[in-house]
Each structure stands twice: as structure tokens, then as C-alpha cells.
């Protein structure tokens, strides 16, 4: 389930770009 958290963080970073 750790991968899910990483995906959310990555997605948030991409949106923040």
C-alpha cells in the first residue's frame, strides 16, 4: 500500500508544476 501513497505524492507534485 506504500506505493499508493507515493503515487499520490507524485501526482500532487505534477499538479503543482
N, C-alpha and C. Protein backbone atom coordinates (compact mmCIF):
# COMPACT_ATOMS: atom_id res chain seq x y z
N UNK A 1 0.84 -1.20 0.00
CA UNK A 1 0.00 0.00 0.00
C UNK A 1 0.89 1.26 0.00
N UNK A 2 2.16 1.06 0.29
CA UNK A 2 3.08 2.20 0.30
C UNK A 2 3.18 2.85 -1.07
N UNK A 3 3.07 2.00 -2.11
CA UNK A 3 3.18 2.52 -3.48
C UNK A 3 2.07 3.52 -3.76
N UNK A 4 0.90 3.27 -3.20
CA UNK A 4 -0.26 4.16 -3.43
C UNK A 4 0.06 5.57 -2.92
N UNK A 5 0.66 5.63 -1.74
CA UNK A 5 1.00 6.93 -1.16
C UNK A 5 1.98 7.66 -2.05
N UNK A 6 2.98 6.92 -2.56
CA UNK A 6 3.99 7.52 -3.43
C UNK A 6 3.33 8.08 -4.68
N UNK A 7 2.37 7.33 -5.21
CA UNK A 7 1.67 7.76 -6.42
C UNK A 7 0.92 9.06 -6.18
N UNK A 8 0.28 9.16 -5.02
CA UNK A 8 -0.48 10.37 -4.68
C UNK A 8 0.47 11.57 -4.57
N UNK A 9 1.62 11.35 -3.94
CA UNK A 9 2.59 12.43 -3.78
C UNK A 9 3.10 12.88 -5.14
N UNK A 10 3.42 11.91 -5.99
CA UNK A 10 3.92 12.23 -7.33
C UNK A 10 2.87 13.00 -8.11
N UNK A 11 1.64 12.57 -8.00
CA UNK A 11 0.53 13.22 -8.72
C UNK A 11 0.40 14.66 -8.22
N UNK A 12 0.45 14.86 -6.91
CA UNK A 12 0.33 16.20 -6.33
C UNK A 12 1.47 17.09 -6.83
N UNK A 13 2.67 16.52 -6.92
CA UNK A 13 3.82 17.29 -7.39
C UNK A 13 3.61 17.71 -8.83
N UNK A 14 3.14 16.77 -9.65
CA UNK A 14 2.91 17.06 -11.06
C UNK A 14 1.87 18.17 -11.23
N UNK A 15 0.83 18.12 -10.41
CA UNK A 15 -0.23 19.13 -10.49
C UNK A 15 0.32 20.49 -10.02
N UNK A 16 1.24 20.44 -9.07
CA UNK A 16 1.81 21.67 -8.53
C UNK A 16 2.71 22.35 -9.57
N UNK A 17 3.24 21.58 -10.49
CA UNK A 17 4.16 22.12 -11.51
C UNK A 17 3.54 23.32 -12.21
